[in-house]
C-alpha atoms as a PDB file:
ATOM      1  CA  MET A   1      39.647  53.147   1.490  1.00  0.00           C
ATOM      2  CA  ARG A   2      38.855  50.685  -1.218  1.00  0.00           C
ATOM      3  CA  GLY A   3      39.640  46.943  -0.951  1.00  0.00           C
ATOM      4  CA  LEU A   4      40.340  44.537  -4.044  1.00  0.00           C
ATOM      5  CA  ASP A   5      37.681  44.119  -6.408  1.00  0.00           C
ATOM      6  CA  LEU A   6      34.614  42.006  -5.482  1.00  0.00           C
ATOM      7  CA  LYS A   7      35.141  38.337  -6.458  1.00  0.00           C
ATOM      8  CA  TYR A   8      33.040  37.445  -9.796  1.00  0.00           C
ATOM      9  CA  VAL A   9      30.412  35.005  -8.776  1.00  0.00           C
ATOM     10  CA  GLY A  10      28.408  33.893 -11.907  1.00  0.00           C
ATOM     11  CA  ILE A  11      25.461  31.840  -9.949  1.00  0.00           C
ATOM     12  CA  TYR A  12      23.513  34.709  -8.858  1.00  0.00           C
ATOM     13  CA  TRP A  13      23.314  36.251 -12.598  1.00  0.00           C
ATOM     14  CA  ALA A  14      22.460  32.633 -13.670  1.00  0.00           C
ATOM     15  CA  LEU A  15      19.826  32.397 -11.313  1.00  0.00           C
ATOM     16  CA  PHE A  16      18.078  35.608 -11.669  1.00  0.00           C
ATOM     17  CA  ALA A  17      18.463  36.576 -15.167  1.00  0.00           C
ATOM     18  CA  PRO A  18      15.902  34.338 -16.504  1.00  0.00           C
ATOM     19  CA  MET A  19      13.460  35.903 -14.156  1.00  0.00           C
ATOM     20  CA  MET A  20      14.105  39.438 -14.681  1.00  0.00           C
ATOM     21  CA  LYS A  21      14.141  38.870 -18.422  1.00  0.00           C
ATOM     22  CA  LYS A  22      10.393  37.361 -17.958  1.00  0.00           C
ATOM     23  CA  SER A  23       9.408  40.325 -15.841  1.00  0.00           C
ATOM     24  CA  ILE A  24      10.974  42.924 -18.421  1.00  0.00           C
ATOM     25  CA  GLU A  25       9.353  41.113 -21.381  1.00  0.00           C
ATOM     26  CA  LYS A  26       6.070  40.894 -19.769  1.00  0.00           C
ATOM     27  CA  ARG A  27       5.951  44.594 -18.786  1.00  0.00           C
ATOM     28  CA  PHE A  28       8.067  46.318 -21.452  1.00  0.00           C
ATOM     29  CA  GLY A  29       8.436  43.959 -24.231  1.00  0.00           C
ATOM     30  CA  LYS A  30      10.508  41.256 -25.682  1.00  0.00           C
ATOM     31  CA  GLU A  31      13.141  43.644 -27.203  1.00  0.00           C
ATOM     32  CA  LEU A  32      13.900  45.502 -24.258  1.00  0.00           C
ATOM     33  CA  ALA A  33      14.046  42.311 -22.271  1.00  0.00           C
ATOM     34  CA  GLU A  34      16.679  40.654 -24.436  1.00  0.00           C
ATOM     35  CA  ARG A  35      18.798  43.876 -24.637  1.00  0.00           C
ATOM     36  CA  SER A  36      18.545  44.352 -20.678  1.00  0.00           C
ATOM     37  CA  ILE A  37      19.716  40.700 -20.253  1.00  0.00           C
ATOM     38  CA  SER A  38      22.388  40.526 -23.055  1.00  0.00           C
ATOM     39  CA  GLN A  39      24.070  43.700 -22.160  1.00  0.00           C
ATOM     40  CA  GLY A  40      23.211  43.393 -18.395  1.00  0.00           C
ATOM     41  CA  LYS A  41      25.512  40.301 -18.050  1.00  0.00           C
ATOM     42  CA  ALA A  42      28.693  42.376 -19.262  1.00  0.00           C
ATOM     43  CA  GLU A  43      27.284  45.027 -16.848  1.00  0.00           C
ATOM     44  CA  TYR A  44      27.252  42.560 -13.960  1.00  0.00           C
ATOM     45  CA  ALA A  45      31.062  41.658 -14.538  1.00  0.00           C
ATOM     46  CA  ARG A  46      31.961  45.296 -14.805  1.00  0.00           C
ATOM     47  CA  LEU A  47      30.205  46.461 -11.574  1.00  0.00           C
ATOM     48  CA  LEU A  48      31.863  43.391  -9.623  1.00  0.00           C
ATOM     49  CA  SER A  49      35.377  44.318 -11.089  1.00  0.00           C
ATOM     50  CA  ARG A  50      34.791  48.131  -9.624  1.00  0.00           C
ATOM     51  CA  ALA A  51      33.060  46.973  -6.316  1.00  0.00           C
ATOM     52  CA  ASP A  52      34.930  46.826  -3.083  1.00  0.00           C
ATOM     53  CA  ASP A  53      36.043  43.244  -1.969  1.00  0.00           C
ATOM     54  CA  LEU A  54      33.791  42.376   1.182  1.00  0.00           C
ATOM     55  CA  GLY A  55      35.966  39.436   2.435  1.00  0.00           C
ATOM     56  CA  PRO A  56      35.867  35.631   2.249  1.00  0.00           C
ATOM     57  CA  GLY A  57      33.127  34.118   4.393  1.00  0.00           C
ATOM     58  CA  ASN A  58      31.032  37.448   4.719  1.00  0.00           C
ATOM     59  CA  PRO A  59      27.584  36.562   5.777  1.00  0.00           C
ATOM     60  CA  MET A  60      26.284  39.636   4.096  1.00  0.00           C
ATOM     61  CA  ALA A  61      28.026  39.548   0.803  1.00  0.00           C
ATOM     62  CA  MET A  62      25.260  37.861  -0.959  1.00  0.00           C
ATOM     63  CA  ASN A  63      23.190  41.065  -0.416  1.00  0.00           C
ATOM     64  CA  ALA A  64      25.717  42.996  -2.691  1.00  0.00           C
ATOM     65  CA  TYR A  65      25.600  40.372  -5.553  1.00  0.00           C
ATOM     66  CA  PHE A  66      21.799  40.427  -5.276  1.00  0.00           C
ATOM     67  CA  ALA A  67      21.850  44.220  -5.499  1.00  0.00           C
ATOM     68  CA  TYR A  68      24.391  44.220  -8.464  1.00  0.00           C
ATOM     69  CA  VAL A  69      22.302  41.756 -10.498  1.00  0.00           C
ATOM     70  CA  PHE A  70      19.504  44.177 -10.573  1.00  0.00           C
ATOM     71  CA  ALA A  71      21.730  47.088 -11.222  1.00  0.00           C
ATOM     72  CA  ALA A  72      23.340  45.390 -14.016  1.00  0.00           C
ATOM     73  CA  ALA A  73      19.953  44.596 -15.786  1.00  0.00           C
ATOM     74  CA  TRP A  74      18.759  48.267 -15.286  1.00  0.00           C
ATOM     75  CA  LEU A  75      22.139  49.526 -16.850  1.00  0.00           C
ATOM     76  CA  GLY A  76      21.713  46.869 -19.591  1.00  0.00           C
ATOM     77  CA  SER A  77      18.591  48.540 -20.677  1.00  0.00           C
ATOM     78  CA  GLY A  78      20.469  51.730 -20.894  1.00  0.00           C
ATOM     79  CA  LYS A  79      18.287  53.175 -18.134  1.00  0.00           C
ATOM     80  CA  GLU A  80      15.376  53.004 -20.327  1.00  0.00           C
ATOM     81  CA  ILE A  81      13.638  51.288 -17.424  1.00  0.00           C
ATOM     82  CA  THR A  82      13.171  53.894 -14.668  1.00  0.00           C
ATOM     83  CA  PRO A  83      14.114  53.094 -11.172  1.00  0.00           C
ATOM     84  CA  ALA A  84      10.486  52.893 -10.157  1.00  0.00           C
ATOM     85  CA  GLU A  85       9.733  50.539 -12.972  1.00  0.00           C
ATOM     86  CA  MET A  86      12.822  48.263 -11.972  1.00  0.00           C
ATOM     87  CA  ALA A  87      11.325  48.110  -8.549  1.00  0.00           C
ATOM     88  CA  GLU A  88       8.481  46.416  -9.985  1.00  0.00           C
ATOM     89  CA  VAL A  89      10.630  43.943 -11.808  1.00  0.00           C
ATOM     90  CA  MET A  90      12.546  43.243  -8.590  1.00  0.00           C
ATOM     91  CA  THR A  91       9.211  42.575  -7.044  1.00  0.00           C
ATOM     92  CA  ASP A  92       8.284  40.039  -9.647  1.00  0.00           C
ATOM     93  CA  VAL A  93      11.518  38.309  -9.111  1.00  0.00           C
ATOM     94  CA  LEU A  94      11.174  38.096  -5.420  1.00  0.00           C
ATOM     95  CA  GLU A  95       7.640  37.027  -5.825  1.00  0.00           C
ATOM     96  CA  SER A  96       8.249  34.131  -8.186  1.00  0.00           C
ATOM     97  CA  ARG A  97       7.377  30.707  -6.948  1.00  0.00           C
ATOM     98  CA  LEU A  98      11.337  29.940  -6.391  1.00  0.00           C
ATOM     99  CA  MET A  99      11.779  32.825  -4.218  1.00  0.00           C
ATOM    100  CA  ARG A 100       8.532  32.526  -2.367  1.00  0.00           C
ATOM    101  CA  THR A 101       9.678  28.818  -1.508  1.00  0.00           C
ATOM    102  CA  VAL A 102      12.997  29.740  -0.464  1.00  0.00           C
ATOM    103  CA  PHE A 103      11.968  32.714   1.688  1.00  0.00           C
ATOM    104  CA  GLY A 104       8.792  30.962   2.920  1.00  0.00           C
ATOM    105  CA  MET A 105      11.109  28.396   4.830  1.00  0.00           C
ATOM    106  CA  THR A 106      11.568  31.054   7.478  1.00  0.00           C
ATOM    107  CA  ASP A 107       8.426  32.048   9.802  1.00  0.00           C
ATOM    108  CA  LEU A 108       9.432  34.983  11.794  1.00  0.00           C
ATOM    109  CA  ASN A 109       6.423  34.228  14.167  1.00  0.00           C
ATOM    110  CA  ARG A 110       8.312  31.053  15.121  1.00  0.00           C
ATOM    111  CA  THR A 111      11.749  32.412  15.192  1.00  0.00           C
ATOM    112  CA  PRO A 112      11.248  36.125  15.937  1.00  0.00           C
ATOM    113  CA  LYS A 113      15.023  36.793  16.857  1.00  0.00           C
ATOM    114  CA  LYS A 114      16.280  35.132  13.585  1.00  0.00           C
ATOM    115  CA  TRP A 115      17.677  38.375  12.286  1.00  0.00           C
ATOM    116  CA  GLU A 116      19.347  39.596  15.171  1.00  0.00           C
ATOM    117  CA  ARG A 117      21.273  36.282  15.643  1.00  0.00           C
ATOM    118  CA  ASP A 118      22.142  36.487  11.883  1.00  0.00           C
ATOM    119  CA  MET A 119      23.558  39.984  12.517  1.00  0.00           C
ATOM    120  CA  ARG A 120      25.349  38.995  15.464  1.00  0.00           C
ATOM    121  CA  LYS A 121      27.010  36.314  13.399  1.00  0.00           C
ATOM    122  CA  TYR A 122      27.964  39.157  10.950  1.00  0.00           C
ATOM    123  CA  GLU A 123      29.049  41.419  13.590  1.00  0.00           C
ATOM    124  CA  ALA A 124      31.514  38.543  14.783  1.00  0.00           C
ATOM    125  CA  TRP A 125      32.687  38.027  11.334  1.00  0.00           C
ATOM    126  CA  TYR A 126      33.612  41.912  10.947  1.00  0.00           C
ATOM    127  CA  LYS A 127      35.273  41.854  14.521  1.00  0.00           C
ATOM    128  CA  LYS A 128      37.786  39.396  12.963  1.00  0.00           C
ATOM    129  CA  GLN A 129      38.048  40.517   9.393  1.00  0.00           C
ATOM    130  CA  GLY A 130      36.984  44.268   9.305  1.00  0.00           C
ATOM    131  CA  GLY A 131      40.506  45.494   9.457  1.00  0.00           C
ATOM    132  CA  ARG A 132      41.346  43.769   6.280  1.00  0.00           C
ATOM    133  CA  TYR A 133      37.991  44.503   4.722  1.00  0.00           C
ATOM    134  CA  PRO A 134      36.985  47.851   5.982  1.00  0.00           C
ATOM    135  CA  VAL A 135      34.516  48.880   3.223  1.00  0.00           C
ATOM    136  CA  ASN A 136      31.601  46.863   4.677  1.00  0.00           C
ATOM    137  CA  TRP A 137      28.454  47.330   6.573  1.00  0.00           C
ATOM    138  CA  VAL A 138      28.732  48.687  10.377  1.00  0.00           C
ATOM    139  CA  VAL A 139      26.023  47.074  12.234  1.00  0.00           C
ATOM    140  CA  ASN A 140      24.734  48.274  15.719  1.00  0.00           C
ATOM    141  CA  PHE A 141      22.317  46.915  18.321  1.00  0.00           C
ATOM    142  CA  ASP A 142      19.964  48.634  20.778  1.00  0.00           C
ATOM    143  CA  GLU A 143      18.377  45.788  22.833  1.00  0.00           C
ATOM    144  CA  THR A 144      16.473  48.513  24.701  1.00  0.00           C
ATOM    145  CA  ALA A 145      14.694  49.819  21.654  1.00  0.00           C
ATOM    146  CA  HIS A 146      12.001  47.108  21.178  1.00  0.00           C
ATOM    147  CA  ARG A 147      10.813  43.998  23.024  1.00  0.00           C
ATOM    148  CA  ASP A 148       9.314  42.158  20.084  1.00  0.00           C
ATOM    149  CA  GLY A 149      11.261  40.815  17.074  1.00  0.00           C
ATOM    150  CA  SER A 150      14.690  41.893  16.009  1.00  0.00           C
ATOM    151  CA  TYR A 151      16.302  45.470  15.877  1.00  0.00           C
ATOM    152  CA  TYR A 152      19.438  46.515  14.369  1.00  0.00           C
ATOM    153  CA  TYR A 153      20.766  49.416  12.435  1.00  0.00           C
ATOM    154  CA  PHE A 154      23.482  50.069  10.281  1.00  0.00           C
ATOM    155  CA  THR A 155      25.732  53.418   9.911  1.00  0.00           C
ATOM    156  CA  ARG A 156      27.441  52.143   6.670  1.00  0.00           C
ATOM    157  CA  CYS A 157      26.360  50.284   3.417  1.00  0.00           C
ATOM    158  CA  PRO A 158      28.906  49.192   1.046  1.00  0.00           C
ATOM    159  CA  ILE A 159      26.109  48.760  -1.500  1.00  0.00           C
ATOM    160  CA  CYS A 160      24.978  52.503  -1.187  1.00  0.00           C
ATOM    161  CA  GLU A 161      28.436  53.823  -1.129  1.00  0.00           C
ATOM    162  CA  PHE A 162      29.156  52.024  -4.311  1.00  0.00           C
ATOM    163  CA  CYS A 163      25.943  53.045  -6.188  1.00  0.00           C
ATOM    164  CA  ARG A 164      26.958  56.730  -5.181  1.00  0.00           C
ATOM    165  CA  ARG A 165      30.537  56.435  -6.359  1.00  0.00           C
ATOM    166  CA  GLU A 166      29.280  54.824  -9.703  1.00  0.00           C
ATOM    167  CA  GLY A 167      26.647  57.413 -10.185  1.00  0.00           C
ATOM    168  CA  ILE A 168      23.489  55.030 -10.002  1.00  0.00           C
ATOM    169  CA  ALA A 169      22.366  56.046  -6.701  1.00  0.00           C
ATOM    170  CA  GLU A 170      18.945  56.842  -8.003  1.00  0.00           C
ATOM    171  CA  LEU A 171      18.315  53.039  -7.935  1.00  0.00           C
ATOM    172  CA  MET A 172      19.093  52.681  -4.274  1.00  0.00           C
ATOM    173  CA  PRO A 173      15.444  53.316  -2.929  1.00  0.00           C
ATOM    174  CA  ALA A 174      14.256  50.383  -5.287  1.00  0.00           C
ATOM    175  CA  LEU A 175      17.022  48.454  -3.842  1.00  0.00           C
ATOM    176  CA  CYS A 176      16.229  49.157  -0.281  1.00  0.00           C
ATOM    177  CA  ALA A 177      12.585  48.513  -0.916  1.00  0.00           C
ATOM    178  CA  THR A 178      13.178  44.796  -1.453  1.00  0.00           C
ATOM    179  CA  ASP A 179      13.915  44.369   2.138  1.00  0.00           C
ATOM    180  CA  GLU A 180      10.208  44.744   3.022  1.00  0.00           C
ATOM    181  CA  ILE A 181       9.234  42.231   0.380  1.00  0.00           C
ATOM    182  CA  MET A 182      11.740  39.591   1.687  1.00  0.00           C
ATOM    183  CA  PHE A 183      10.767  39.991   5.312  1.00  0.00           C
ATOM    184  CA  ARG A 184       6.930  39.874   4.312  1.00  0.00           C
ATOM    185  CA  LEU A 185       7.694  36.508   2.447  1.00  0.00           C
ATOM    186  CA  GLN A 186       9.212  35.374   5.893  1.00  0.00           C
ATOM    187  CA  HIS A 187       5.872  35.962   7.411  1.00  0.00           C
ATOM    188  CA  GLY A 188       7.156  39.302   9.047  1.00  0.00           C
ATOM    189  CA  ARG A 189       6.756  42.952   8.827  1.00  0.00           C
ATOM    190  CA  LEU A 190       9.654  45.525   8.596  1.00  0.00           C
ATOM    191  CA  TYR A 191       9.273  48.971  10.454  1.00  0.00           C
ATOM    192  CA  ARG A 192      11.735  51.319   9.045  1.00  0.00           C
ATOM    193  CA  GLU A 193      12.199  55.287   9.685  1.00  0.00           C
ATOM    194  CA  HIS A 194      15.676  55.763   8.139  1.00  0.00           C
ATOM    195  CA  THR A 195      17.829  54.564   5.293  1.00  0.00           C
ATOM    196  CA  LEU A 196      21.312  55.724   4.542  1.00  0.00           C
ATOM    197  CA  ALA A 197      20.042  55.966   0.735  1.00  0.00           C
ATOM    198  CA  ASN A 198      17.859  58.705   1.734  1.00  0.00           C
ATOM    199  CA  GLY A 199      20.815  60.693   3.598  1.00  0.00           C
ATOM    200  CA  ASP A 200      19.760  59.534   6.839  1.00  0.00           C
ATOM    201  CA  PRO A 201      22.547  58.707   9.390  1.00  0.00           C
ATOM    202  CA  VAL A 202      21.438  55.168   9.898  1.00  0.00           C
ATOM    203  CA  CYS A 203      19.431  52.249   8.122  1.00  0.00           C
ATOM    204  CA  ASP A 204      17.235  50.817  10.659  1.00  0.00           C
ATOM    205  CA  TYR A 205      15.613  47.435  10.930  1.00  0.00           C
ATOM    206  CA  TRP A 206      12.805  46.421  13.178  1.00  0.00           C
ATOM    207  CA  VAL A 207      11.533  42.885  11.966  1.00  0.00           C
ATOM    208  CA  VAL A 208       8.414  41.488  13.754  1.00  0.00           C
ATOM    209  CA  GLY A 209       6.365  38.309  12.786  1.00  0.00           C
ATOM    210  CA  ASP A 210       3.216  39.230  10.921  1.00  0.00           C
ATOM    211  CA  GLN A 211       0.960  37.877  13.756  1.00  0.00           C
ATOM    212  CA  VAL A 212       2.153  40.235  16.327  1.00  0.00           C
ATOM    213  CA  LYS A 213      -0.854  42.822  16.439  1.00  0.00           C
ATOM    214  CA  GLU A 214       0.658  45.580  18.472  1.00  0.00           C
ATOM    215  CA  PRO A 215       4.468  44.949  18.367  1.00  0.00           C
ATOM    216  CA  ARG A 216       6.517  46.873  21.026  1.00  0.00           C
END
């Protein structure tokens, strides 16, 4: 079941496009960089017009916008950039000075349960709004699984479903890999055994501070 189209929000493209262009130009040349971004802007609008509406006030919606920005630039290149190469572009963007500053504001050694709390907030939102916006993340918790950090897992991901529907599922492993980078920039480590993108029944997240030597 599909909802309405995902609302167009231009700030994500405006923020990330210059950083993507810089990375692509450095790695693959000016011509491909200009083409990827100029054509990618239209691709971004097209993707959002076809993606499922995730609902107003959804705490997880930014993840979809983030993913579709990168997917749009990749499509803008005419897939001349491989998914593995696009993963390098994503890494460049996430490790930019701006993003290091933003993510570095969180220290998972000081707030080890941050992500569990954030996912609980999403869970509360979904309980209220999920009936109206069913194509969404389904998050689960197992408090007995680990003592340290935050642990949760998803049994549904709208980004993964949309990419499969659009025929761009080959980009999903690169998108999933950004999780590890983002947690690292927050002074954390992600331990993961499964992803929905790989055909597993769950996408699991066990996130601990990077100063925890033997997490349990």
